[in-house]
């Protein structure tokens, strides 16, 4: 793969070392430069779980994607850079369909870390998987709860806790294992992926964020969220280009 091209795409211009500090900077750079978005799903163009297709989409076409694409491509990049990487098959809670329906990443750097660049507005720094106490995820507090064979990512906020997804670290996954869920999520007309277009990314490494929804654009800056209405069509496309450098 074109490692230099990928690093340029995410704006990472320093020599990469397999350290926790560089892993966090790579994660934040990816979350800033590469949007979590569903446009190919919404417009029924179809998406692949194969990493090379996702890398081409991100690096060559300047696009984003959803978890199978973003985490699949990022895991491949990390492995090429010398990180010890495993694919994690997760179930978004509450589980409503076949598992796994989410791809996350485990990176071992002396101890194991959970990494994710494909779950939208969530943690933005590696989380130690061998810690069950509260952790600063860069965008809020998180915990990793062990329940039998499963580990669950839990977000802690002022309004309470939210169980985001669960995964079994003992199982090994590859791209083909996510095809059934990818097909279901792309074709079920009742799901958010097929109903409304969206795109979201970090601003300047986070935790500030911009999110473009069907009828509005949201900005979170210094912990304060503001919203502005956006008309479908020309204005929506202009916001997509201005804030995400993409066309529908």
C-alpha atoms as a PDB file:
ATOM      1  CA  UNK A   1       0.000   0.000   0.000  1.00  0.00           C
ATOM      2  CA  UNK A   2       1.009   3.647  -0.454  1.00  0.00           C
ATOM      3  CA  UNK A   3       1.892   4.364   3.170  1.00  0.00           C
ATOM      4  CA  UNK A   4       3.302   7.811   2.389  1.00  0.00           C
ATOM      5  CA  UNK A   5       0.153   8.721   0.460  1.00  0.00           C
ATOM      6  CA  UNK A   6      -2.073   7.582   3.321  1.00  0.00           C
ATOM      7  CA  UNK A   7      -0.059   9.580   5.873  1.00  0.00           C
ATOM      8  CA  UNK A   8      -0.268  12.630   3.621  1.00  0.00           C
ATOM      9  CA  UNK A   9      -4.039  12.154   3.339  1.00  0.00           C
ATOM     10  CA  UNK A  10      -4.409  12.361   7.125  1.00  0.00           C
ATOM     11  CA  UNK A  11      -1.900  15.204   7.464  1.00  0.00           C
ATOM     12  CA  UNK A  12       0.685  13.190   9.396  1.00  0.00           C
ATOM     13  CA  UNK A  13       4.096  14.441   8.319  1.00  0.00           C
ATOM     14  CA  UNK A  14       6.464  13.139  11.002  1.00  0.00           C
ATOM     15  CA  UNK A  15       8.440   9.917  11.139  1.00  0.00           C
ATOM     16  CA  UNK A  16       6.194   7.264  12.675  1.00  0.00           C
ATOM     17  CA  UNK A  17       7.352   5.365  15.740  1.00  0.00           C
ATOM     18  CA  UNK A  18       5.418   2.454  17.256  1.00  0.00           C
ATOM     19  CA  UNK A  19       4.697   4.304  20.488  1.00  0.00           C
ATOM     20  CA  UNK A  20       1.485   5.157  22.315  1.00  0.00           C
ATOM     21  CA  UNK A  21       2.023   8.851  21.639  1.00  0.00           C
ATOM     22  CA  UNK A  22       2.268   8.313  17.902  1.00  0.00           C
ATOM     23  CA  UNK A  23      -0.689   5.914  17.922  1.00  0.00           C
ATOM     24  CA  UNK A  24      -2.846   8.591  19.548  1.00  0.00           C
ATOM     25  CA  UNK A  25      -1.669  11.253  17.097  1.00  0.00           C
ATOM     26  CA  UNK A  26      -2.406   8.935  14.178  1.00  0.00           C
ATOM     27  CA  UNK A  27      -5.889   8.223  15.552  1.00  0.00           C
ATOM     28  CA  UNK A  28      -6.673  11.917  16.020  1.00  0.00           C
ATOM     29  CA  UNK A  29      -5.247  12.800  12.607  1.00  0.00           C
ATOM     30  CA  UNK A  30      -7.439  10.162  10.951  1.00  0.00           C
ATOM     31  CA  UNK A  31     -10.545  11.304  12.827  1.00  0.00           C
ATOM     32  CA  UNK A  32      -9.833  14.889  11.733  1.00  0.00           C
ATOM     33  CA  UNK A  33      -9.068  14.277   8.060  1.00  0.00           C
ATOM     34  CA  UNK A  34     -11.287  11.308   7.169  1.00  0.00           C
ATOM     35  CA  UNK A  35     -15.023  11.722   7.826  1.00  0.00           C
ATOM     36  CA  UNK A  36     -17.347   9.105   9.225  1.00  0.00           C
ATOM     37  CA  UNK A  37     -20.020   9.269   6.505  1.00  0.00           C
ATOM     38  CA  UNK A  38     -22.661   7.181   4.749  1.00  0.00           C
ATOM     39  CA  UNK A  39     -23.008   8.800   1.320  1.00  0.00           C
ATOM     40  CA  UNK A  40     -22.240   5.692  -0.745  1.00  0.00           C
ATOM     41  CA  UNK A  41     -24.717   3.729   1.368  1.00  0.00           C
ATOM     42  CA  UNK A  42     -27.380   6.439   1.189  1.00  0.00           C
ATOM     43  CA  UNK A  43     -27.034   6.779  -2.598  1.00  0.00           C
ATOM     44  CA  UNK A  44     -27.036   2.960  -2.990  1.00  0.00           C
ATOM     45  CA  UNK A  45     -23.577   2.833  -4.603  1.00  0.00           C
ATOM     46  CA  UNK A  46     -22.466  -0.079  -2.447  1.00  0.00           C
ATOM     47  CA  UNK A  47     -19.388  -0.339  -0.226  1.00  0.00           C
ATOM     48  CA  UNK A  48     -16.839  -3.093   0.341  1.00  0.00           C
ATOM     49  CA  UNK A  49     -15.305  -4.528   3.499  1.00  0.00           C
ATOM     50  CA  UNK A  50     -12.026  -5.250   1.688  1.00  0.00           C
ATOM     51  CA  UNK A  51      -9.260  -2.983   3.059  1.00  0.00           C
ATOM     52  CA  UNK A  52      -7.702  -2.156  -0.314  1.00  0.00           C
ATOM     53  CA  UNK A  53     -11.008  -0.871  -1.676  1.00  0.00           C
ATOM     54  CA  UNK A  54     -11.389   1.268   1.456  1.00  0.00           C
ATOM     55  CA  UNK A  55      -7.820   2.567   1.208  1.00  0.00           C
ATOM     56  CA  UNK A  56      -8.387   3.555  -2.421  1.00  0.00           C
ATOM     57  CA  UNK A  57     -11.603   5.344  -1.442  1.00  0.00           C
ATOM     58  CA  UNK A  58      -9.930   7.239   1.413  1.00  0.00           C
ATOM     59  CA  UNK A  59      -6.529   8.019  -0.110  1.00  0.00           C
ATOM     60  CA  UNK A  60      -7.215   8.300  -3.851  1.00  0.00           C
ATOM     61  CA  UNK A  61     -10.792   9.611  -3.839  1.00  0.00           C
ATOM     62  CA  UNK A  62     -10.508  11.749  -0.697  1.00  0.00           C
ATOM     63  CA  UNK A  63     -13.589  10.209   0.863  1.00  0.00           C
ATOM     64  CA  UNK A  64     -14.563   8.820   4.246  1.00  0.00           C
ATOM     65  CA  UNK A  65     -16.787   5.868   5.079  1.00  0.00           C
ATOM     66  CA  UNK A  66     -18.227   3.811   7.916  1.00  0.00           C
ATOM     67  CA  UNK A  67     -16.639   1.396  10.380  1.00  0.00           C
ATOM     68  CA  UNK A  68     -15.783  -1.441   7.997  1.00  0.00           C
ATOM     69  CA  UNK A  69     -14.033   0.968   5.669  1.00  0.00           C
ATOM     70  CA  UNK A  70     -12.383   3.349   8.136  1.00  0.00           C
ATOM     71  CA  UNK A  71     -11.196   0.829  10.714  1.00  0.00           C
ATOM     72  CA  UNK A  72     -10.303  -1.744   8.060  1.00  0.00           C
ATOM     73  CA  UNK A  73      -8.120   0.773   6.225  1.00  0.00           C
ATOM     74  CA  UNK A  74      -6.628   2.241   9.413  1.00  0.00           C
ATOM     75  CA  UNK A  75      -5.811  -1.208  10.824  1.00  0.00           C
ATOM     76  CA  UNK A  76      -4.021  -2.024   7.572  1.00  0.00           C
ATOM     77  CA  UNK A  77      -2.054   1.233   7.752  1.00  0.00           C
ATOM     78  CA  UNK A  78      -1.061   0.589  11.374  1.00  0.00           C
ATOM     79  CA  UNK A  79       0.121  -2.922  10.533  1.00  0.00           C
ATOM     80  CA  UNK A  80       2.214  -1.558   7.644  1.00  0.00           C
ATOM     81  CA  UNK A  81       3.755   0.942  10.065  1.00  0.00           C
ATOM     82  CA  UNK A  82       4.818  -1.892  12.377  1.00  0.00           C
ATOM     83  CA  UNK A  83       2.058  -1.871  15.003  1.00  0.00           C
ATOM     84  CA  UNK A  84       0.745  -5.180  16.383  1.00  0.00           C
ATOM     85  CA  UNK A  85      -2.888  -5.070  15.221  1.00  0.00           C
ATOM     86  CA  UNK A  86      -5.974  -7.316  15.547  1.00  0.00           C
ATOM     87  CA  UNK A  87      -9.457  -6.829  14.115  1.00  0.00           C
ATOM     88  CA  UNK A  88     -12.227  -6.941  16.724  1.00  0.00           C
ATOM     89  CA  UNK A  89     -15.771  -8.000  15.819  1.00  0.00           C
ATOM     90  CA  UNK A  90     -18.233  -6.031  17.930  1.00  0.00           C
ATOM     91  CA  UNK A  91     -21.956  -5.685  18.409  1.00  0.00           C
ATOM     92  CA  UNK A  92     -23.440  -2.202  18.671  1.00  0.00           C
ATOM     93  CA  UNK A  93     -25.798  -2.045  21.638  1.00  0.00           C
ATOM     94  CA  UNK A  94     -28.601  -2.819  21.801  1.00  0.00           C
ATOM     95  CA  UNK A  95     -27.875  -5.642  19.355  1.00  0.00           C
ATOM     96  CA  UNK A  96     -30.586  -5.797  16.665  1.00  0.00           C
ATOM     97  CA  UNK A  97     -29.082  -8.121  14.067  1.00  0.00           C
ATOM     98  CA  UNK A  98     -26.371 -10.663  13.330  1.00  0.00           C
ATOM     99  CA  UNK A  99     -23.008 -10.223  14.994  1.00  0.00           C
ATOM    100  CA  UNK A 100     -20.500  -8.784  14.409  1.00  0.00           C
ATOM    101  CA  UNK A 101     -21.975  -5.543  13.072  1.00  0.00           C
ATOM    102  CA  UNK A 102     -19.083  -3.243  14.008  1.00  0.00           C
ATOM    103  CA  UNK A 103     -15.353  -3.446  13.341  1.00  0.00           C
ATOM    104  CA  UNK A 104     -12.972  -2.055  15.962  1.00  0.00           C
ATOM    105  CA  UNK A 105      -9.201  -2.419  16.413  1.00  0.00           C
ATOM    106  CA  UNK A 106      -6.926  -3.806  19.123  1.00  0.00           C
ATOM    107  CA  UNK A 107      -3.322  -2.587  19.148  1.00  0.00           C
ATOM    108  CA  UNK A 108      -0.719  -4.120  21.459  1.00  0.00           C
ATOM    109  CA  UNK A 109       2.020  -1.837  22.773  1.00  0.00           C
ATOM    110  CA  UNK A 110       3.208  -3.778  25.792  1.00  0.00           C
ATOM    111  CA  UNK A 111      -0.429  -3.714  26.899  1.00  0.00           C
ATOM    112  CA  UNK A 112      -3.558  -3.920  24.702  1.00  0.00           C
ATOM    113  CA  UNK A 113      -5.417  -0.813  23.547  1.00  0.00           C
ATOM    114  CA  UNK A 114      -8.821  -0.283  21.932  1.00  0.00           C
ATOM    115  CA  UNK A 115      -8.654   2.013  18.896  1.00  0.00           C
ATOM    116  CA  UNK A 116     -11.567   3.166  16.729  1.00  0.00           C
ATOM    117  CA  UNK A 117     -11.807   5.697  13.902  1.00  0.00           C
ATOM    118  CA  UNK A 118     -15.193   4.492  12.645  1.00  0.00           C
ATOM    119  CA  UNK A 119     -17.792   5.030  15.366  1.00  0.00           C
ATOM    120  CA  UNK A 120     -18.698   8.672  14.914  1.00  0.00           C
ATOM    121  CA  UNK A 121     -18.760  10.830  18.039  1.00  0.00           C
ATOM    122  CA  UNK A 122     -16.884   8.603  20.483  1.00  0.00           C
ATOM    123  CA  UNK A 123     -13.454   8.306  22.128  1.00  0.00           C
ATOM    124  CA  UNK A 124     -10.531   9.841  20.238  1.00  0.00           C
ATOM    125  CA  UNK A 125      -7.501   8.298  21.942  1.00  0.00           C
ATOM    126  CA  UNK A 126      -6.424   4.672  22.566  1.00  0.00           C
ATOM    127  CA  UNK A 127      -8.079   3.097  25.629  1.00  0.00           C
ATOM    128  CA  UNK A 128      -6.169   0.442  27.631  1.00  0.00           C
ATOM    129  CA  UNK A 129      -8.138  -2.790  27.404  1.00  0.00           C
ATOM    130  CA  UNK A 130      -6.707  -4.149  30.659  1.00  0.00           C
ATOM    131  CA  UNK A 131      -8.176  -1.344  32.779  1.00  0.00           C
ATOM    132  CA  UNK A 132     -11.736  -1.415  34.146  1.00  0.00           C
ATOM    133  CA  UNK A 133     -11.731   2.036  35.740  1.00  0.00           C
ATOM    134  CA  UNK A 134     -12.792   5.371  34.269  1.00  0.00           C
ATOM    135  CA  UNK A 135     -10.584   6.551  31.390  1.00  0.00           C
ATOM    136  CA  UNK A 136     -10.238   9.868  29.626  1.00  0.00           C
ATOM    137  CA  UNK A 137     -11.173   9.150  26.009  1.00  0.00           C
ATOM    138  CA  UNK A 138     -10.192  12.648  24.865  1.00  0.00           C
ATOM    139  CA  UNK A 139     -13.829  13.543  24.227  1.00  0.00           C
ATOM    140  CA  UNK A 140     -15.286  12.312  27.531  1.00  0.00           C
ATOM    141  CA  UNK A 141     -14.930   9.563  30.113  1.00  0.00           C
ATOM    142  CA  UNK A 142     -15.182   5.858  29.231  1.00  0.00           C
ATOM    143  CA  UNK A 143     -14.984   2.465  30.915  1.00  0.00           C
ATOM    144  CA  UNK A 144     -14.330  -1.019  29.567  1.00  0.00           C
ATOM    145  CA  UNK A 145     -16.447  -3.561  31.434  1.00  0.00           C
ATOM    146  CA  UNK A 146     -15.575  -7.266  31.322  1.00  0.00           C
ATOM    147  CA  UNK A 147     -18.639  -9.544  31.410  1.00  0.00           C
ATOM    148  CA  UNK A 148     -17.669 -13.165  30.893  1.00  0.00           C
ATOM    149  CA  UNK A 149     -16.110 -13.439  27.438  1.00  0.00           C
ATOM    150  CA  UNK A 150     -17.338  -9.996  26.413  1.00  0.00           C
ATOM    151  CA  UNK A 151     -15.830  -6.566  26.928  1.00  0.00           C
ATOM    152  CA  UNK A 152     -18.212  -3.601  26.691  1.00  0.00           C
ATOM    153  CA  UNK A 153     -17.317  -0.004  25.886  1.00  0.00           C
ATOM    154  CA  UNK A 154     -19.288   2.314  28.181  1.00  0.00           C
ATOM    155  CA  UNK A 155     -19.450   6.100  27.781  1.00  0.00           C
ATOM    156  CA  UNK A 156     -19.959   8.118  30.962  1.00  0.00           C
ATOM    157  CA  UNK A 157     -21.632  11.496  30.623  1.00  0.00           C
ATOM    158  CA  UNK A 158     -23.524  14.064  32.681  1.00  0.00           C
ATOM    159  CA  UNK A 159     -26.813  12.382  31.763  1.00  0.00           C
ATOM    160  CA  UNK A 160     -25.641   8.895  32.780  1.00  0.00           C
ATOM    161  CA  UNK A 161     -23.899   5.985  31.108  1.00  0.00           C
ATOM    162  CA  UNK A 162     -24.309   4.622  27.590  1.00  0.00           C
ATOM    163  CA  UNK A 163     -23.237   1.124  26.630  1.00  0.00           C
ATOM    164  CA  UNK A 164     -21.872   1.572  23.102  1.00  0.00           C
ATOM    165  CA  UNK A 165     -20.646  -1.838  21.867  1.00  0.00           C
ATOM    166  CA  UNK A 166     -19.397  -5.235  23.072  1.00  0.00           C
ATOM    167  CA  UNK A 167     -16.718  -7.537  21.652  1.00  0.00           C
ATOM    168  CA  UNK A 168     -14.981 -10.838  22.369  1.00  0.00           C
ATOM    169  CA  UNK A 169     -11.205 -10.431  22.282  1.00  0.00           C
ATOM    170  CA  UNK A 170     -10.657 -14.193  22.052  1.00  0.00           C
ATOM    171  CA  UNK A 171     -12.116 -14.353  18.540  1.00  0.00           C
ATOM    172  CA  UNK A 172     -10.206 -13.529  15.352  1.00  0.00           C
ATOM    173  CA  UNK A 173     -11.875 -11.687  12.473  1.00  0.00           C
ATOM    174  CA  UNK A 174     -11.132 -10.845   8.852  1.00  0.00           C
ATOM    175  CA  UNK A 175     -12.850  -8.670   6.248  1.00  0.00           C
ATOM    176  CA  UNK A 176     -15.165 -11.433   4.995  1.00  0.00           C
ATOM    177  CA  UNK A 177     -16.658 -11.894   8.481  1.00  0.00           C
ATOM    178  CA  UNK A 178     -18.291  -8.459   8.237  1.00  0.00           C
ATOM    179  CA  UNK A 179     -19.906  -8.949   4.828  1.00  0.00           C
ATOM    180  CA  UNK A 180     -23.304 -10.215   6.123  1.00  0.00           C
ATOM    181  CA  UNK A 181     -23.796  -7.257   8.445  1.00  0.00           C
ATOM    182  CA  UNK A 182     -22.442  -4.815   5.879  1.00  0.00           C
ATOM    183  CA  UNK A 183     -24.966  -6.071   3.338  1.00  0.00           C
ATOM    184  CA  UNK A 184     -27.832  -5.879   5.852  1.00  0.00           C
ATOM    185  CA  UNK A 185     -26.951  -2.357   6.992  1.00  0.00           C
ATOM    186  CA  UNK A 186     -26.685  -1.172   3.376  1.00  0.00           C
ATOM    187  CA  UNK A 187     -29.993  -2.639   2.225  1.00  0.00           C
ATOM    188  CA  UNK A 188     -32.419  -2.395   5.158  1.00  0.00           C
ATOM    189  CA  UNK A 189     -34.635   0.626   4.358  1.00  0.00           C
ATOM    190  CA  UNK A 190     -35.584   1.071   8.022  1.00  0.00           C
ATOM    191  CA  UNK A 191     -32.047   1.843   9.207  1.00  0.00           C
ATOM    192  CA  UNK A 192     -30.416   5.271   9.596  1.00  0.00           C
ATOM    193  CA  UNK A 193     -27.672   4.399   7.110  1.00  0.00           C
ATOM    194  CA  UNK A 194     -30.115   4.176   4.202  1.00  0.00           C
ATOM    195  CA  UNK A 195     -32.565   6.902   5.247  1.00  0.00           C
ATOM    196  CA  UNK A 196     -30.564  10.107   5.753  1.00  0.00           C
ATOM    197  CA  UNK A 197     -27.114  11.306   4.645  1.00  0.00           C
ATOM    198  CA  UNK A 198     -24.575  12.469   7.220  1.00  0.00           C
ATOM    199  CA  UNK A 199     -20.892  13.229   7.687  1.00  0.00           C
ATOM    200  CA  UNK A 200     -18.893  14.011  10.833  1.00  0.00           C
ATOM    201  CA  UNK A 201     -15.252  14.576  11.724  1.00  0.00           C
ATOM    202  CA  UNK A 202     -13.046  16.140  14.368  1.00  0.00           C
ATOM    203  CA  UNK A 203     -11.828  19.719  14.084  1.00  0.00           C
ATOM    204  CA  UNK A 204      -8.084  20.211  14.602  1.00  0.00           C
ATOM    205  CA  UNK A 205      -7.539  16.932  16.426  1.00  0.00           C
ATOM    206  CA  UNK A 206     -10.602  17.264  18.655  1.00  0.00           C
ATOM    207  CA  UNK A 207     -12.505  17.223  20.832  1.00  0.00           C
ATOM    208  CA  UNK A 208     -14.210  19.927  18.747  1.00  0.00           C
ATOM    209  CA  UNK A 209     -16.343  18.401  15.976  1.00  0.00           C
ATOM    210  CA  UNK A 210     -18.450  19.271  12.926  1.00  0.00           C
ATOM    211  CA  UNK A 211     -21.458  17.143  11.911  1.00  0.00           C
ATOM    212  CA  UNK A 212     -23.563  17.613   8.794  1.00  0.00           C
ATOM    213  CA  UNK A 213     -27.025  16.062   9.041  1.00  0.00           C
ATOM    214  CA  UNK A 214     -29.903  15.954   6.582  1.00  0.00           C
ATOM    215  CA  UNK A 215     -31.260  19.382   7.518  1.00  0.00           C
ATOM    216  CA  UNK A 216     -28.637  21.087   9.697  1.00  0.00           C
ATOM    217  CA  UNK A 217     -24.960  21.442  10.521  1.00  0.00           C
ATOM    218  CA  UNK A 218     -23.690  21.149  14.098  1.00  0.00           C
ATOM    219  CA  UNK A 219     -20.480  22.492  15.615  1.00  0.00           C
ATOM    220  CA  UNK A 220     -19.074  21.554  19.001  1.00  0.00           C
ATOM    221  CA  UNK A 221     -16.423  24.001  20.138  1.00  0.00           C
ATOM    222  CA  UNK A 222     -15.040  24.279  23.665  1.00  0.00           C
ATOM    223  CA  UNK A 223     -17.846  22.059  24.946  1.00  0.00           C
ATOM    224  CA  UNK A 224     -20.616  24.206  23.447  1.00  0.00           C
ATOM    225  CA  UNK A 225     -22.782  22.857  20.602  1.00  0.00           C
ATOM    226  CA  UNK A 226     -24.427  25.156  18.049  1.00  0.00           C
ATOM    227  CA  UNK A 227     -26.690  24.233  15.143  1.00  0.00           C
ATOM    228  CA  UNK A 228     -27.585  25.966  11.897  1.00  0.00           C
ATOM    229  CA  UNK A 229     -30.316  24.903   9.443  1.00  0.00           C
ATOM    230  CA  UNK A 230     -29.196  23.687   6.033  1.00  0.00           C
ATOM    231  CA  UNK A 231     -31.486  23.423   3.025  1.00  0.00           C
ATOM    232  CA  UNK A 232     -31.296  20.232   0.936  1.00  0.00           C
ATOM    233  CA  UNK A 233     -29.703  20.443  -2.467  1.00  0.00           C
ATOM    234  CA  UNK A 234     -27.269  23.216  -3.325  1.00  0.00           C
ATOM    235  CA  UNK A 235     -26.724  24.529   0.218  1.00  0.00           C
ATOM    236  CA  UNK A 236     -26.224  21.011   1.645  1.00  0.00           C
ATOM    237  CA  UNK A 237     -23.724  20.194  -1.093  1.00  0.00           C
ATOM    238  CA  UNK A 238     -21.881  23.451  -0.401  1.00  0.00           C
ATOM    239  CA  UNK A 239     -21.571  22.610   3.303  1.00  0.00           C
ATOM    240  CA  UNK A 240     -20.331  19.130   2.420  1.00  0.00           C
ATOM    241  CA  UNK A 241     -17.627  20.625   0.217  1.00  0.00           C
ATOM    242  CA  UNK A 242     -16.694  23.408   2.645  1.00  0.00           C
ATOM    243  CA  UNK A 243     -16.372  21.268   5.778  1.00  0.00           C
ATOM    244  CA  UNK A 244     -15.578  17.803   4.376  1.00  0.00           C
ATOM    245  CA  UNK A 245     -14.013  18.485   0.948  1.00  0.00           C
ATOM    246  CA  UNK A 246     -16.447  16.029  -0.630  1.00  0.00           C
ATOM    247  CA  UNK A 247     -19.206  15.985  -3.218  1.00  0.00           C
ATOM    248  CA  UNK A 248     -22.300  13.754  -2.859  1.00  0.00           C
END
